[in-house]
Amino acid sequence: MMNLLLVESNRHSDALMLALQQTAIHVHKTAYSLSLPTLIKEAEPDIILFNLGVLNESVLQDLAWLNQHFPLPVIMLIADADQDVIQQLMALEVSLLQVNCLEYAELQSWLQIAVARFKQLQHLKNALEEAKAQLEDRKQIDRAKAILIKTQHYTEHEAYHTLRKLAMDRNSTLSEMAKNVIAMAELLK
């Protein structure tokens, strides 16, 4: 069963609670306060639904903290939003934003969309981090090849195969061996 943390301000909605009760979700309801990070740690929700009248700076700061420390699908229900607010919420990776919503018949769909969008965004973030790591590895390998070319007068092909053989002989990755070559070159300067 999914755990949902409902965070409300003065915008309490009986219709929202009724719609939530009709889903197969355990709801932990709380009023918005500055201790939200503590509440999130204690409640361990799978999804967070904010039902707020207006956004203030502390909500935006809490969303930034949440995104960094406890990334979760977030649904934001607010009374009003201009383009600037919408951009801020999208930058903070809010999964679903509903403005001036008074009916909750589509709540189950909202939950599914928020979770799907969150998973897609996490997948993209992971792919980006993996690509960055691969690029960094590639840079290290190229730098180590350049060191071997300069110090040992190898061709690029010979430098690569030397790194590869060293990595295989020592049961390590090509990237780790490149870092070792770079470290050794730095040491011998």
N, C-alpha and C. Protein backbone atom coordinates (compact mmCIF):
# COMPACT_ATOMS: atom_id res chain seq x y z
N MET A 1 0.84 -1.18 0.00
CA MET A 1 0.00 0.00 0.00
C MET A 1 0.89 1.25 0.00
N MET A 2 0.53 2.19 -0.82
CA MET A 2 1.29 3.42 -0.95
C MET A 2 0.97 4.36 0.21
N ASN A 3 2.01 5.02 0.73
CA ASN A 3 1.84 6.02 1.79
C ASN A 3 1.89 7.41 1.17
N LEU A 4 0.88 8.21 1.47
CA LEU A 4 0.81 9.57 0.96
C LEU A 4 0.84 10.53 2.14
N LEU A 5 1.69 11.52 2.04
CA LEU A 5 1.72 12.59 3.04
C LEU A 5 0.96 13.77 2.46
N LEU A 6 -0.17 14.11 3.09
CA LEU A 6 -0.98 15.26 2.68
C LEU A 6 -0.58 16.44 3.54
N VAL A 7 -0.05 17.47 2.91
CA VAL A 7 0.39 18.67 3.61
C VAL A 7 -0.55 19.80 3.22
N GLU A 8 -1.27 20.31 4.22
CA GLU A 8 -2.24 21.36 3.94
C GLU A 8 -1.91 22.63 4.72
N SER A 9 -2.34 23.73 4.16
CA SER A 9 -2.24 24.99 4.90
C SER A 9 -3.65 25.31 5.37
N ASN A 10 -4.10 26.48 5.12
CA ASN A 10 -5.46 26.85 5.50
C ASN A 10 -6.46 26.45 4.42
N ARG A 11 -6.05 25.68 3.48
CA ARG A 11 -6.89 25.30 2.35
C ARG A 11 -7.39 23.87 2.52
N HIS A 12 -7.99 23.57 3.64
CA HIS A 12 -8.51 22.24 3.92
C HIS A 12 -9.66 21.92 2.98
N SER A 13 -9.71 20.69 2.50
CA SER A 13 -10.76 20.30 1.57
C SER A 13 -11.32 18.94 1.95
N ASP A 14 -12.60 18.94 2.33
CA ASP A 14 -13.28 17.67 2.62
C ASP A 14 -13.39 16.83 1.36
N ALA A 15 -13.59 17.48 0.22
CA ALA A 15 -13.72 16.76 -1.05
C ALA A 15 -12.42 16.03 -1.38
N LEU A 16 -11.29 16.66 -1.09
CA LEU A 16 -10.00 16.01 -1.32
C LEU A 16 -9.84 14.80 -0.41
N MET A 17 -10.17 14.94 0.86
CA MET A 17 -10.06 13.81 1.78
C MET A 17 -10.97 12.67 1.35
N LEU A 18 -12.18 12.99 0.90
CA LEU A 18 -13.10 11.95 0.41
C LEU A 18 -12.51 11.23 -0.79
N ALA A 19 -11.93 11.99 -1.72
CA ALA A 19 -11.31 11.38 -2.91
C ALA A 19 -10.12 10.50 -2.51
N LEU A 20 -9.34 10.94 -1.54
CA LEU A 20 -8.20 10.15 -1.08
C LEU A 20 -8.65 8.86 -0.39
N GLN A 21 -9.75 8.93 0.34
CA GLN A 21 -10.27 7.75 1.02
C GLN A 21 -10.75 6.69 0.03
N GLN A 22 -11.07 7.10 -1.18
CA GLN A 22 -11.55 6.16 -2.19
C GLN A 22 -10.40 5.49 -2.95
N THR A 23 -9.18 5.85 -2.62
CA THR A 23 -8.02 5.21 -3.25
C THR A 23 -7.44 4.19 -2.27
N ALA A 24 -6.61 3.33 -2.79
CA ALA A 24 -5.96 2.32 -1.94
C ALA A 24 -4.64 2.88 -1.42
N ILE A 25 -4.74 4.02 -0.74
CA ILE A 25 -3.56 4.72 -0.27
C ILE A 25 -3.73 5.03 1.22
N HIS A 26 -2.65 4.84 1.96
CA HIS A 26 -2.65 5.24 3.37
C HIS A 26 -2.26 6.71 3.42
N VAL A 27 -3.12 7.53 4.02
CA VAL A 27 -2.90 8.97 4.06
C VAL A 27 -2.47 9.41 5.45
N HIS A 28 -1.37 10.12 5.49
CA HIS A 28 -0.90 10.77 6.72
C HIS A 28 -1.08 12.26 6.48
N LYS A 29 -1.97 12.87 7.24
CA LYS A 29 -2.32 14.27 7.02
C LYS A 29 -1.62 15.15 8.05
N THR A 30 -1.09 16.28 7.58
CA THR A 30 -0.43 17.21 8.48
C THR A 30 -0.62 18.64 7.97
N ALA A 31 -0.55 19.57 8.89
CA ALA A 31 -0.58 20.98 8.52
C ALA A 31 0.83 21.38 8.11
N TYR A 32 0.92 22.30 7.16
CA TYR A 32 2.24 22.77 6.74
C TYR A 32 2.89 23.52 7.89
N SER A 33 4.15 23.18 8.13
CA SER A 33 4.92 23.89 9.15
C SER A 33 6.38 23.87 8.74
N LEU A 34 7.18 24.58 9.47
CA LEU A 34 8.60 24.64 9.15
C LEU A 34 9.32 23.34 9.51
N SER A 35 8.65 22.43 10.19
CA SER A 35 9.26 21.15 10.54
C SER A 35 8.94 20.07 9.49
N LEU A 36 8.61 20.49 8.30
CA LEU A 36 8.27 19.53 7.24
C LEU A 36 9.36 18.50 6.99
N PRO A 37 10.64 18.87 6.94
CA PRO A 37 11.67 17.85 6.74
C PRO A 37 11.62 16.74 7.80
N THR A 38 11.37 17.12 9.03
CA THR A 38 11.26 16.12 10.10
C THR A 38 10.06 15.23 9.88
N LEU A 39 8.92 15.82 9.50
CA LEU A 39 7.71 15.04 9.23
C LEU A 39 7.94 14.03 8.10
N ILE A 40 8.64 14.46 7.07
CA ILE A 40 8.89 13.58 5.94
C ILE A 40 9.77 12.41 6.36
N LYS A 41 10.78 12.68 7.16
CA LYS A 41 11.65 11.61 7.64
C LYS A 41 10.85 10.60 8.47
N GLU A 42 9.94 11.09 9.31
CA GLU A 42 9.16 10.22 10.18
C GLU A 42 8.08 9.45 9.41
N ALA A 43 7.37 10.12 8.52
CA ALA A 43 6.25 9.50 7.81
C ALA A 43 6.70 8.55 6.71
N GLU A 44 7.89 8.76 6.16
CA GLU A 44 8.42 7.95 5.07
C GLU A 44 7.39 7.75 3.95
N PRO A 45 6.89 8.85 3.38
CA PRO A 45 5.86 8.72 2.35
C PRO A 45 6.44 8.24 1.02
N ASP A 46 5.54 7.68 0.20
CA ASP A 46 5.90 7.30 -1.17
C ASP A 46 5.59 8.45 -2.12
N ILE A 47 4.69 9.33 -1.70
CA ILE A 47 4.28 10.47 -2.50
C ILE A 47 3.82 11.57 -1.55
N ILE A 48 4.00 12.82 -1.96
CA ILE A 48 3.57 13.95 -1.14
C ILE A 48 2.60 14.79 -1.93
N LEU A 49 1.50 15.15 -1.29
CA LEU A 49 0.50 16.01 -1.91
C LEU A 49 0.39 17.28 -1.08
N PHE A 50 0.75 18.41 -1.68
CA PHE A 50 0.63 19.70 -1.02
C PHE A 50 -0.69 20.32 -1.45
N ASN A 51 -1.53 20.69 -0.51
CA ASN A 51 -2.77 21.39 -0.79
C ASN A 51 -2.66 22.76 -0.12
N LEU A 52 -2.15 23.73 -0.88
CA LEU A 52 -1.81 25.03 -0.31
C LEU A 52 -2.58 26.14 -1.01
N GLY A 53 -2.88 27.17 -0.27
CA GLY A 53 -3.52 28.33 -0.88
C GLY A 53 -2.53 29.07 -1.76
N VAL A 54 -1.47 29.53 -1.16
CA VAL A 54 -0.43 30.25 -1.90
C VAL A 54 0.93 29.69 -1.52
N LEU A 55 1.88 29.88 -2.39
CA LEU A 55 3.25 29.45 -2.12
C LEU A 55 4.00 30.58 -1.45
N ASN A 56 4.86 30.22 -0.52
CA ASN A 56 5.75 31.22 0.05
C ASN A 56 7.17 30.67 -0.07
N GLU A 57 8.11 31.48 0.33
CA GLU A 57 9.52 31.12 0.17
C GLU A 57 9.89 29.87 0.96
N SER A 58 9.30 29.68 2.12
CA SER A 58 9.64 28.50 2.93
C SER A 58 9.18 27.21 2.25
N VAL A 59 8.05 27.25 1.56
CA VAL A 59 7.58 26.06 0.83
C VAL A 59 8.57 25.75 -0.30
N LEU A 60 9.00 26.77 -1.01
CA LEU A 60 9.96 26.56 -2.10
C LEU A 60 11.29 26.02 -1.56
N GLN A 61 11.73 26.52 -0.42
CA GLN A 61 12.96 26.02 0.20
C GLN A 61 12.80 24.56 0.63
N ASP A 62 11.63 24.24 1.18
CA ASP A 62 11.37 22.85 1.58
C ASP A 62 11.33 21.92 0.37
N LEU A 63 10.77 22.39 -0.73
CA LEU A 63 10.76 21.59 -1.95
C LEU A 63 12.17 21.35 -2.47
N ALA A 64 13.00 22.37 -2.40
CA ALA A 64 14.40 22.21 -2.84
C ALA A 64 15.12 21.21 -1.95
N TRP A 65 14.90 21.30 -0.63
CA TRP A 65 15.51 20.35 0.30
C TRP A 65 15.02 18.94 0.02
N LEU A 66 13.72 18.81 -0.16
CA LEU A 66 13.11 17.51 -0.44
C LEU A 66 13.70 16.90 -1.71
N ASN A 67 13.79 17.70 -2.75
CA ASN A 67 14.32 17.23 -4.03
C ASN A 67 15.76 16.75 -3.90
N GLN A 68 16.51 17.40 -3.04
CA GLN A 68 17.93 17.04 -2.87
C GLN A 68 18.12 15.85 -1.95
N HIS A 69 17.36 15.79 -0.85
CA HIS A 69 17.60 14.77 0.17
C HIS A 69 16.65 13.58 0.13
N PHE A 70 15.40 13.80 -0.22
CA PHE A 70 14.41 12.73 -0.29
C PHE A 70 13.58 12.89 -1.56
N PRO A 71 14.16 12.61 -2.71
CA PRO A 71 13.38 12.79 -3.94
C PRO A 71 12.15 11.88 -3.94
N LEU A 72 11.00 12.50 -4.08
CA LEU A 72 9.72 11.80 -4.09
C LEU A 72 8.80 12.44 -5.11
N PRO A 73 7.80 11.69 -5.59
CA PRO A 73 6.78 12.33 -6.42
C PRO A 73 6.04 13.38 -5.58
N VAL A 74 5.85 14.55 -6.14
CA VAL A 74 5.17 15.64 -5.44
C VAL A 74 4.03 16.15 -6.31
N ILE A 75 2.84 16.20 -5.71
CA ILE A 75 1.69 16.82 -6.35
C ILE A 75 1.43 18.12 -5.61
N MET A 76 1.26 19.19 -6.35
CA MET A 76 1.05 20.50 -5.75
C MET A 76 -0.31 21.02 -6.20
N LEU A 77 -1.20 21.26 -5.24
CA LEU A 77 -2.49 21.89 -5.48
C LEU A 77 -2.42 23.29 -4.88
N ILE A 78 -2.51 24.30 -5.72
CA ILE A 78 -2.44 25.68 -5.23
C ILE A 78 -3.58 26.49 -5.80
N ALA A 79 -3.91 27.57 -5.10
CA ALA A 79 -5.04 28.40 -5.50
C ALA A 79 -4.76 29.22 -6.74
N ASP A 80 -3.53 29.68 -6.89
CA ASP A 80 -3.21 30.57 -8.00
C ASP A 80 -1.73 30.45 -8.33
N ALA A 81 -1.40 30.58 -9.61
CA ALA A 81 0.00 30.51 -10.02
C ALA A 81 0.22 31.33 -11.27
N ASP A 82 1.23 32.18 -11.22
CA ASP A 82 1.63 32.89 -12.43
C ASP A 82 2.77 32.12 -13.09
N GLN A 83 3.25 32.62 -14.20
CA GLN A 83 4.29 31.94 -14.97
C GLN A 83 5.56 31.73 -14.15
N ASP A 84 5.91 32.72 -13.33
CA ASP A 84 7.11 32.62 -12.50
C ASP A 84 7.00 31.48 -11.49
N VAL A 85 5.85 31.37 -10.84
CA VAL A 85 5.62 30.30 -9.86
C VAL A 85 5.67 28.94 -10.55
N ILE A 86 5.04 28.85 -11.70
CA ILE A 86 5.04 27.59 -12.44
C ILE A 86 6.47 27.18 -12.80
N GLN A 87 7.27 28.13 -13.27
CA GLN A 87 8.67 27.84 -13.61
C GLN A 87 9.46 27.39 -12.39
N GLN A 88 9.24 28.05 -11.26
CA GLN A 88 9.94 27.66 -10.03
C GLN A 88 9.58 26.23 -9.63
N LEU A 89 8.29 25.90 -9.70
CA LEU A 89 7.85 24.56 -9.31
C LEU A 89 8.39 23.50 -10.26
N MET A 90 8.44 23.80 -11.54
CA MET A 90 8.99 22.84 -12.50
C MET A 90 10.49 22.66 -12.28
N ALA A 91 11.18 23.75 -11.95
CA ALA A 91 12.61 23.66 -11.66
C ALA A 91 12.86 22.83 -10.40
N LEU A 92 11.91 22.83 -9.48
CA LEU A 92 12.03 22.04 -8.26
C LEU A 92 11.48 20.63 -8.44
N GLU A 93 11.18 20.28 -9.68
CA GLU A 93 10.78 18.94 -10.09
C GLU A 93 9.48 18.46 -9.45
N VAL A 94 8.52 19.39 -9.30
CA VAL A 94 7.18 18.99 -8.88
C VAL A 94 6.61 18.10 -9.98
N SER A 95 6.09 16.95 -9.59
CA SER A 95 5.64 15.97 -10.57
C SER A 95 4.32 16.36 -11.24
N LEU A 96 3.44 17.00 -10.50
CA LEU A 96 2.14 17.39 -11.04
C LEU A 96 1.67 18.65 -10.34
N LEU A 97 1.21 19.61 -11.11
CA LEU A 97 0.72 20.88 -10.58
C LEU A 97 -0.72 21.07 -11.02
N GLN A 98 -1.60 21.33 -10.06
CA GLN A 98 -2.99 21.65 -10.35
C GLN A 98 -3.28 23.01 -9.71
N VAL A 99 -3.80 23.92 -10.52
CA VAL A 99 -4.08 25.28 -10.05
C VAL A 99 -5.58 25.47 -9.95
N ASN A 100 -6.00 26.02 -8.80
CA ASN A 100 -7.39 26.35 -8.54
C ASN A 100 -8.32 25.16 -8.79
N CYS A 101 -7.94 24.03 -8.29
CA CYS A 101 -8.71 22.81 -8.48
C CYS A 101 -9.73 22.65 -7.36
N LEU A 102 -10.97 22.42 -7.73
CA LEU A 102 -12.01 22.25 -6.74
C LEU A 102 -12.63 20.86 -6.78
N GLU A 103 -12.34 20.10 -7.83
CA GLU A 103 -12.88 18.75 -7.97
C GLU A 103 -11.72 17.77 -8.05
N TYR A 104 -11.93 16.60 -7.47
CA TYR A 104 -10.85 15.63 -7.34
C TYR A 104 -11.20 14.27 -7.94
N ALA A 105 -12.11 14.27 -8.90
CA ALA A 105 -12.53 13.01 -9.52
C ALA A 105 -11.37 12.30 -10.20
N GLU A 106 -10.40 13.05 -10.66
CA GLU A 106 -9.25 12.47 -11.37
C GLU A 106 -8.05 12.22 -10.47
N LEU A 107 -8.26 12.21 -9.17
CA LEU A 107 -7.15 12.07 -8.22
C LEU A 107 -6.33 10.82 -8.47
N GLN A 108 -6.96 9.70 -8.71
CA GLN A 108 -6.23 8.46 -8.95
C GLN A 108 -5.30 8.62 -10.17
N SER A 109 -5.79 9.25 -11.22
CA SER A 109 -4.96 9.51 -12.41
C SER A 109 -3.82 10.46 -12.07
N TRP A 110 -4.09 11.46 -11.25
CA TRP A 110 -3.04 12.40 -10.86
C TRP A 110 -1.92 11.67 -10.15
N LEU A 111 -2.30 10.77 -9.24
CA LEU A 111 -1.30 10.01 -8.51
C LEU A 111 -0.45 9.17 -9.46
N GLN A 112 -1.11 8.51 -10.40
CA GLN A 112 -0.39 7.67 -11.36
C GLN A 112 0.52 8.51 -12.24
N ILE A 113 0.04 9.66 -12.69
CA ILE A 113 0.84 10.55 -13.54
C ILE A 113 2.05 11.08 -12.75
N ALA A 114 1.82 11.48 -11.51
CA ALA A 114 2.91 12.02 -10.69
C ALA A 114 3.99 10.97 -10.48
N VAL A 115 3.59 9.74 -10.17
CA VAL A 115 4.57 8.68 -9.96
C VAL A 115 5.31 8.37 -11.26
N ALA A 116 4.58 8.29 -12.36
CA ALA A 116 5.21 8.00 -13.66
C ALA A 116 6.17 9.10 -14.06
N ARG A 117 5.76 10.36 -13.88
CA ARG A 117 6.65 11.48 -14.24
C ARG A 117 7.89 11.49 -13.34
N PHE A 118 7.71 11.22 -12.06
CA PHE A 118 8.83 11.16 -11.13
C PHE A 118 9.81 10.07 -11.56
N LYS A 119 9.30 8.88 -11.86
CA LYS A 119 10.17 7.78 -12.27
C LYS A 119 10.92 8.12 -13.56
N GLN A 120 10.23 8.76 -14.49
CA GLN A 120 10.86 9.15 -15.75
C GLN A 120 11.97 10.17 -15.49
N LEU A 121 11.70 11.14 -14.63
CA LEU A 121 12.70 12.16 -14.32
C LEU A 121 13.89 11.54 -13.60
N GLN A 122 13.64 10.61 -12.67
CA GLN A 122 14.74 9.93 -11.97
C GLN A 122 15.58 9.13 -12.96
N HIS A 123 14.91 8.47 -13.91
CA HIS A 123 15.64 7.71 -14.93
C HIS A 123 16.53 8.64 -15.75
N LEU A 124 16.01 9.80 -16.14
CA LEU A 124 16.80 10.76 -16.90
C LEU A 124 17.97 11.30 -16.08
N LYS A 125 17.74 11.57 -14.80
CA LYS A 125 18.81 12.05 -13.94
C LYS A 125 19.90 11.00 -13.78
N ASN A 126 19.48 9.74 -13.61
CA ASN A 126 20.46 8.65 -13.49
C ASN A 126 21.25 8.49 -14.78
N ALA A 127 20.56 8.58 -15.92
CA ALA A 127 21.24 8.46 -17.21
C ALA A 127 22.23 9.61 -17.39
N LEU A 128 21.86 10.81 -16.96
CA LEU A 128 22.76 11.95 -17.06
C LEU A 128 23.99 11.75 -16.19
N GLU A 129 23.78 11.28 -14.96
CA GLU A 129 24.92 11.03 -14.07
C GLU A 129 25.83 9.95 -14.64
N GLU A 130 25.24 8.92 -15.22
CA GLU A 130 26.04 7.86 -15.84
C GLU A 130 26.84 8.39 -17.02
N ALA A 131 26.20 9.23 -17.83
CA ALA A 131 26.90 9.82 -18.98
C ALA A 131 28.05 10.72 -18.52
N LYS A 132 27.81 11.49 -17.44
CA LYS A 132 28.87 12.34 -16.90
C LYS A 132 30.04 11.49 -16.40
N ALA A 133 29.72 10.40 -15.72
CA ALA A 133 30.77 9.52 -15.20
C ALA A 133 31.56 8.89 -16.35
N GLN A 134 30.86 8.47 -17.40
CA GLN A 134 31.54 7.88 -18.55
C GLN A 134 32.42 8.91 -19.24
N LEU A 135 31.92 10.14 -19.35
CA LEU A 135 32.72 11.20 -19.96
C LEU A 135 33.97 11.48 -19.13
N GLU A 136 33.82 11.51 -17.82
CA GLU A 136 34.97 11.73 -16.94
C GLU A 136 35.97 10.58 -17.08
N ASP A 137 35.46 9.34 -17.14
CA ASP A 137 36.35 8.19 -17.34
C ASP A 137 37.10 8.33 -18.66
N ARG A 138 36.38 8.74 -19.69
CA ARG A 138 36.99 8.90 -21.02
C ARG A 138 38.10 9.95 -20.97
N LYS A 139 37.84 11.05 -20.25
CA LYS A 139 38.85 12.10 -20.12
C LYS A 139 40.09 11.57 -19.41
N GLN A 140 39.87 10.79 -18.34
CA GLN A 140 40.99 10.21 -17.60
C GLN A 140 41.81 9.27 -18.49
N ILE A 141 41.12 8.45 -19.26
CA ILE A 141 41.80 7.51 -20.16
C ILE A 141 42.61 8.28 -21.21
N ASP A 142 42.00 9.31 -21.79
CA ASP A 142 42.71 10.12 -22.78
C ASP A 142 43.92 10.82 -22.17
N ARG A 143 43.77 11.29 -20.95
CA ARG A 143 44.90 11.95 -20.28
C ARG A 143 46.03 10.95 -20.00
N ALA A 144 45.66 9.75 -19.56
CA ALA A 144 46.67 8.72 -19.29
C ALA A 144 47.36 8.30 -20.60
N LYS A 145 46.60 8.19 -21.68
CA LYS A 145 47.22 7.87 -22.98
C LYS A 145 48.20 8.96 -23.38
N ALA A 146 47.82 10.22 -23.16
CA ALA A 146 48.70 11.33 -23.51
C ALA A 146 50.00 11.27 -22.71
N ILE A 147 49.89 10.87 -21.45
CA ILE A 147 51.10 10.73 -20.61
C ILE A 147 52.00 9.63 -21.18
N LEU A 148 51.40 8.49 -21.55
CA LEU A 148 52.19 7.39 -22.11
C LEU A 148 52.79 7.76 -23.46
N ILE A 149 52.05 8.49 -24.24
CA ILE A 149 52.56 8.93 -25.55
C ILE A 149 53.76 9.86 -25.35
N LYS A 150 53.64 10.77 -24.39
CA LYS A 150 54.70 11.74 -24.17
C LYS A 150 55.93 11.10 -23.50
N THR A 151 55.71 10.28 -22.48
CA THR A 151 56.85 9.76 -21.71
C THR A 151 57.45 8.49 -22.30
N GLN A 152 56.63 7.67 -22.93
CA GLN A 152 57.12 6.39 -23.45
C GLN A 152 57.24 6.39 -24.98
N HIS A 153 56.81 7.49 -25.61
CA HIS A 153 56.86 7.64 -27.06
C HIS A 153 56.02 6.56 -27.77
N TYR A 154 54.89 6.21 -27.14
CA TYR A 154 53.95 5.26 -27.74
C TYR A 154 53.08 5.97 -28.76
N THR A 155 52.52 5.18 -29.66
CA THR A 155 51.45 5.70 -30.52
C THR A 155 50.18 5.68 -29.67
N GLU A 156 49.15 6.31 -30.16
CA GLU A 156 47.88 6.31 -29.41
C GLU A 156 47.37 4.88 -29.25
N HIS A 157 47.49 4.10 -30.28
CA HIS A 157 47.06 2.70 -30.25
C HIS A 157 47.86 1.91 -29.20
N GLU A 158 49.16 2.09 -29.19
CA GLU A 158 50.00 1.39 -28.21
C GLU A 158 49.68 1.84 -26.77
N ALA A 159 49.46 3.12 -26.60
CA ALA A 159 49.13 3.64 -25.27
C ALA A 159 47.83 3.03 -24.76
N TYR A 160 46.84 2.97 -25.64
CA TYR A 160 45.55 2.39 -25.24
C TYR A 160 45.71 0.92 -24.86
N HIS A 161 46.39 0.17 -25.70
CA HIS A 161 46.55 -1.26 -25.43
C HIS A 161 47.42 -1.52 -24.20
N THR A 162 48.37 -0.65 -23.93
CA THR A 162 49.17 -0.78 -22.71
C THR A 162 48.29 -0.56 -21.48
N LEU A 163 47.46 0.48 -21.52
CA LEU A 163 46.53 0.72 -20.41
C LEU A 163 45.59 -0.46 -20.22
N ARG A 164 45.09 -0.94 -21.33
CA ARG A 164 44.14 -2.06 -21.27
C ARG A 164 44.80 -3.31 -20.69
N LYS A 165 46.01 -3.60 -21.13
CA LYS A 165 46.72 -4.78 -20.63
C LYS A 165 47.03 -4.63 -19.15
N LEU A 166 47.49 -3.44 -18.74
CA LEU A 166 47.76 -3.20 -17.32
C LEU A 166 46.49 -3.40 -16.48
N ALA A 167 45.37 -2.90 -16.98
CA ALA A 167 44.11 -3.04 -16.25
C ALA A 167 43.72 -4.51 -16.14
N MET A 168 43.85 -5.26 -17.22
CA MET A 168 43.50 -6.68 -17.19
C MET A 168 44.44 -7.45 -16.28
N ASP A 169 45.73 -7.17 -16.34
CA ASP A 169 46.70 -7.87 -15.50
C ASP A 169 46.46 -7.61 -14.02
N ARG A 170 45.96 -6.45 -13.69
CA ARG A 170 45.74 -6.09 -12.28
C ARG A 170 44.27 -6.22 -11.87
N ASN A 171 43.47 -6.79 -12.75
CA ASN A 171 42.05 -7.02 -12.48
C ASN A 171 41.34 -5.73 -12.04
N SER A 172 41.58 -4.65 -12.78
CA SER A 172 40.91 -3.38 -12.50
C SER A 172 40.32 -2.85 -13.79
N THR A 173 39.60 -1.76 -13.68
CA THR A 173 38.99 -1.18 -14.87
C THR A 173 40.00 -0.30 -15.59
N LEU A 174 39.70 -0.02 -16.83
CA LEU A 174 40.54 0.86 -17.63
C LEU A 174 40.61 2.25 -16.99
N SER A 175 39.48 2.70 -16.47
CA SER A 175 39.42 4.00 -15.82
C SER A 175 40.31 4.04 -14.57
N GLU A 176 40.25 2.99 -13.76
CA GLU A 176 41.09 2.94 -12.56
C GLU A 176 42.57 2.93 -12.93
N MET A 177 42.92 2.18 -13.97
CA MET A 177 44.31 2.13 -14.40
C MET A 177 44.75 3.50 -14.91
N ALA A 178 43.87 4.18 -15.64
CA ALA A 178 44.20 5.52 -16.13
C ALA A 178 44.47 6.46 -14.97
N LYS A 179 43.64 6.38 -13.93
CA LYS A 179 43.84 7.22 -12.75
C LYS A 179 45.18 6.90 -12.07
N ASN A 180 45.54 5.63 -12.05
CA ASN A 180 46.82 5.23 -11.47
C ASN A 180 48.00 5.80 -12.27
N VAL A 181 47.91 5.75 -13.58
CA VAL A 181 48.96 6.29 -14.45
C VAL A 181 49.09 7.80 -14.23
N ILE A 182 47.95 8.47 -14.15
CA ILE A 182 47.96 9.93 -13.93
C ILE A 182 48.57 10.25 -12.57
N ALA A 183 48.18 9.49 -11.55
CA ALA A 183 48.72 9.71 -10.20
C ALA A 183 50.23 9.48 -10.19
N MET A 184 50.68 8.45 -10.85
CA MET A 184 52.11 8.16 -10.90
C MET A 184 52.85 9.27 -11.62
N ALA A 185 52.29 9.75 -12.71
CA ALA A 185 52.93 10.85 -13.44
C ALA A 185 53.01 12.10 -12.58
N GLU A 186 51.96 12.39 -11.82
CA GLU A 186 51.95 13.53 -10.93
C GLU A 186 53.02 13.38 -9.84
N LEU A 187 53.15 12.16 -9.37
CA LEU A 187 54.14 11.87 -8.32
C LEU A 187 55.56 12.06 -8.82
N LEU A 188 55.81 11.72 -10.07
CA LEU A 188 57.16 11.76 -10.64
C LEU A 188 57.53 13.14 -11.20
N LYS A 189 56.65 14.09 -11.14
CA LYS A 189 56.96 15.43 -11.65
C LYS A 189 58.02 16.10 -10.83
